[in-house]
Protein backbone atom coordinates (compact mmCIF):
# COMPACT_ATOMS: atom_id res chain seq x y z
CA UNK A 1 -13.66 -39.24 -76.71
CA UNK A 2 -15.27 -35.84 -75.51
CA UNK A 3 -13.15 -35.69 -72.23
CA UNK A 4 -10.30 -35.86 -73.79
CA UNK A 5 -10.94 -33.52 -77.00
CA UNK A 6 -11.78 -30.54 -74.85
CA UNK A 7 -8.61 -31.23 -72.75
CA UNK A 8 -6.72 -30.71 -75.83
CA UNK A 9 -8.42 -27.67 -77.00
CA UNK A 10 -10.68 -29.54 -79.55
CA UNK A 11 -14.36 -28.82 -80.49
CA UNK A 12 -16.08 -31.73 -82.02
CA UNK A 13 -17.89 -30.78 -84.87
CA UNK A 14 -18.93 -33.80 -86.70
CA UNK A 15 -17.62 -36.76 -88.85
CA UNK A 16 -16.27 -37.26 -92.25
CA UNK A 17 -19.07 -39.72 -93.34
CA UNK A 18 -21.30 -42.32 -91.95
CA UNK A 19 -19.46 -45.20 -90.48
CA UNK A 20 -16.32 -43.18 -89.64
CA UNK A 21 -15.69 -42.51 -86.20
CA UNK A 22 -12.52 -40.13 -86.81
CA UNK A 23 -13.68 -36.48 -85.18
CA UNK A 24 -13.76 -33.34 -86.95
CA UNK A 25 -12.91 -31.05 -84.91
CA UNK A 26 -12.19 -26.92 -84.42
CA UNK A 27 -8.87 -26.59 -83.13
CA UNK A 28 -8.97 -23.81 -80.90
CA UNK A 29 -5.30 -23.50 -80.19
CA UNK A 30 -4.08 -22.83 -83.39
CA UNK A 31 -6.82 -19.81 -83.52
CA UNK A 32 -5.59 -16.57 -84.69
CA UNK A 33 -7.83 -13.77 -83.66
CA UNK A 34 -8.35 -12.70 -87.27
CA UNK A 35 -8.73 -16.48 -89.03
CA UNK A 36 -10.67 -18.38 -86.74
CA UNK A 37 -9.92 -22.24 -85.78
CA UNK A 38 -8.33 -24.24 -88.08
CA UNK A 39 -10.53 -27.72 -89.05
CA UNK A 40 -8.62 -30.91 -88.34
CA UNK A 41 -9.49 -34.69 -88.55
CA UNK A 42 -8.30 -36.91 -85.91
CA UNK A 43 -7.67 -40.54 -85.81
CA UNK A 44 -10.37 -42.16 -82.96
CA UNK A 45 -7.98 -45.20 -82.40
CA UNK A 46 -5.30 -43.03 -81.62
CA UNK A 47 -7.35 -41.95 -78.74
CA UNK A 48 -9.08 -44.54 -77.50
CA UNK A 49 -5.62 -46.32 -77.56
CA UNK A 50 -4.27 -43.63 -75.49
CA UNK A 51 -1.52 -43.50 -77.43
CA UNK A 52 1.16 -40.40 -76.81
CA UNK A 53 0.62 -39.40 -80.58
CA UNK A 54 -2.92 -38.77 -82.33
CA UNK A 55 -2.33 -38.42 -85.88
CA UNK A 56 -4.15 -35.37 -87.28
CA UNK A 57 -4.79 -34.44 -90.64
CA UNK A 58 -5.86 -30.70 -91.70
CA UNK A 59 -9.28 -30.15 -93.34
CA UNK A 60 -9.16 -26.95 -93.79
CA UNK A 61 -7.19 -23.38 -92.47
CA UNK A 62 -10.77 -22.31 -90.83
CA UNK A 63 -14.23 -23.10 -90.50
CA UNK A 64 -15.21 -20.31 -92.65
CA UNK A 65 -12.42 -21.45 -95.32
CA UNK A 66 -14.06 -24.78 -95.17
CA UNK A 67 -17.79 -23.33 -95.98
CA UNK A 68 -16.21 -21.14 -98.41
CA UNK A 69 -14.91 -24.58 -100.42
CA UNK A 70 -17.96 -26.26 -99.76
CA UNK A 71 -19.95 -23.46 -101.91
CA UNK A 72 -17.46 -23.22 -104.42
CA UNK A 73 -17.83 -27.23 -105.23
């Protein structure tokens, strides 16, 4: 999946949990200079099946916001 992710401006940083293959990525194309890249979860089956549309779910507005959410939890 990495070549596909890189071509689409995504940096793979993890998975939601053990046994789930949906990549969690930083979406560089959405990164305003002052906020940083948003964090998204992509459907791995859409990528592997080369579907024209890959389902994306927003995880956080930025990596920093994600860290702050975890600290507050």
